[in-house]
Amino acid sequence: MDADPAVLVPALLQAAGISPSEEEVAVMIAEFPSRAAAIESLYAVAEARYEEPDLVFRATL
């Protein structure tokens, strides 16, 4: 992601209506690049892109 975490994280928190402490925001900003990369890696396996996980519960009556 090309966005600056120092801008993006506070904007996302504000949009969500969340008001964490300054220390918590600083940690979120610092960890944002690695978390964003981890999320992107979930989509890296092209063969699994449209598959459902095994842990899908379907209640049928």
Protein backbone atom coordinates (compact mmCIF):
# COMPACT_ATOMS: atom_id res chain seq x y z
CA MET A 1 0.00 0.00 0.00
CA ASP A 2 1.36 3.39 -0.97
CA ALA A 3 -0.57 5.52 1.52
CA ASP A 4 1.28 7.08 4.45
CA PRO A 5 0.29 5.15 7.61
CA ALA A 6 0.56 8.37 9.66
CA VAL A 7 -2.29 9.77 7.56
CA LEU A 8 -4.24 6.61 6.79
CA VAL A 9 -4.51 5.12 10.28
CA PRO A 10 -6.00 8.23 11.94
CA ALA A 11 -8.38 8.65 8.99
CA LEU A 12 -9.58 5.05 9.29
CA LEU A 13 -10.02 5.41 13.05
CA GLN A 14 -11.97 8.63 12.62
CA ALA A 15 -14.18 7.08 9.93
CA ALA A 16 -14.89 4.17 12.30
CA GLY A 17 -15.65 6.53 15.16
CA ILE A 18 -12.89 5.08 17.33
CA SER A 19 -10.83 7.30 19.65
CA PRO A 20 -7.83 5.34 21.00
CA SER A 21 -5.07 6.97 23.04
CA GLU A 22 -2.10 8.61 21.32
CA GLU A 23 0.11 5.71 22.39
CA GLU A 24 -2.26 3.18 20.81
CA VAL A 25 -2.41 5.18 17.58
CA ALA A 26 1.40 5.33 17.49
CA VAL A 27 1.57 1.53 17.79
CA MET A 28 -1.06 1.11 15.06
CA ILE A 29 0.87 3.44 12.76
CA ALA A 30 4.13 1.61 13.42
CA GLU A 31 2.57 -1.82 12.81
CA PHE A 32 0.41 -0.85 9.84
CA PRO A 33 2.88 -1.76 7.05
CA SER A 34 3.47 -5.28 8.37
CA ARG A 35 -0.24 -5.85 9.03
CA ALA A 36 -1.17 -4.60 5.55
CA ALA A 37 1.42 -6.94 4.02
CA ALA A 38 0.06 -9.87 6.04
CA ILE A 39 -3.47 -9.14 4.84
CA GLU A 40 -2.31 -8.90 1.23
CA SER A 41 -0.53 -12.25 1.57
CA LEU A 42 -3.90 -13.88 2.26
CA TYR A 43 -4.80 -13.18 -1.37
CA ALA A 44 -1.45 -14.30 -2.79
CA VAL A 45 -2.56 -17.87 -3.57
CA ALA A 46 -4.42 -17.47 -6.84
CA GLU A 47 -5.87 -20.98 -6.73
CA ALA A 48 -7.58 -20.28 -3.40
CA ARG A 49 -8.95 -16.87 -4.27
CA TYR A 50 -12.56 -17.94 -4.76
CA GLU A 51 -12.56 -20.96 -2.46
CA GLU A 52 -14.35 -21.06 0.87
CA PRO A 53 -12.48 -22.05 4.01
CA ASP A 54 -13.23 -25.43 5.55
CA LEU A 55 -14.74 -23.80 8.61
CA VAL A 56 -17.95 -22.59 7.04
CA PHE A 57 -21.06 -23.46 9.02
CA ARG A 58 -24.25 -23.96 7.03
CA ALA A 59 -27.35 -24.53 9.09
CA THR A 60 -29.94 -26.44 7.16
CA LEU A 61 -33.30 -27.28 8.61
